[in-house]
């Protein structure tokens, strides 16, 4: 129970007293018979991880942003009290749902501003590059995309794309599956042998995807673990890790891991120094603790952090790896290595 409370602002046991529906959590389960709509989300991957499954209104209350529930209660707004699954390993990842809903026009800008002022753990810059309001729709999948993998001229999907994005890429769309294990299998089946080398994955909002294809450079966002190694293009060789960002209204980018770049793996004290600095924590004697390869490397590799057990614990190295392009050369190489885009509907 303590580990779960560590990642939330409020105790899940108090939800019903506050007038909200209970949630299911890994380890604690559900208080009573599990509703069918929550059962659909529970699979071995979720049971063995640190997950929470419940209604959006309950998640907002647990994270201390219950003022967003005004949008659910007001029939003048389109926001629905749907069931979501969120991973609690990284306290910032729940906000990816909010960014998706904002991109879809479900959450007005004034509420985003209020979140930035009331939640200290989030960066004040909440959005990526602004793009036209015409893109604020629930699903921005190009109409020619089907559930079968096909090769497309990139220009037909992204009229404003720029090189070094390849002029031709594979693409498909996939309906979101509440069962994470089955969803991973569906994605792997789609990929087939399209990428022959090692794969890297990155999940983004569909709105951010449009900007990224126009200028393949770091995008500032407060919901990702995208600040742990500083500014860069964040990817992971773990499809399971990337799945954290695959919900309706998102897209999955699949790259072939470029092998022509200089790399450095952050471990132990180096990892701790870098993560602490870029997440705003105090680092003593910083000048002598910067990794020696920091200035010349193209790719930084290392663990994605997880919360340390015990109240007040910091971030420690988790099981999944992040591969981060941190040089202009790496941005170009990763852009050239894009092989497929999967839109999640």
Foldseek 3Di string as FASTA:
>chain_A
DQQLLQLWVDDLVCQVVVPHAGKAWQPVGTDDDDDPLQVQQDDPVRNPATKIKDWPCSRCVRRPNNVLCVLCPDPVADDHRHIDMAGSQDSLQVCLVVQLCVLLVRDDPVSVQVCLVPDVLFHNDADWDDDDPVRNRQFPFPPVAEQAKDKDQVCSRQVLFDPPQPRIAIEHEDEDGSHLVVVVVSVCVRCPCLAVAQKKKAKFFPVVVNVCRNPVAFTDHGRDLCQQQHGFDKIFSDPSVRCSRFDRRMKMWMFHDDPPFFEDEDDDQQSVLSRCVRSPHDDPPNVVNHDPCVPPGQKYKFARWGFDPDRPGDTDGDDTMMITGDDPVNSNVRSNGTHYMYHYD
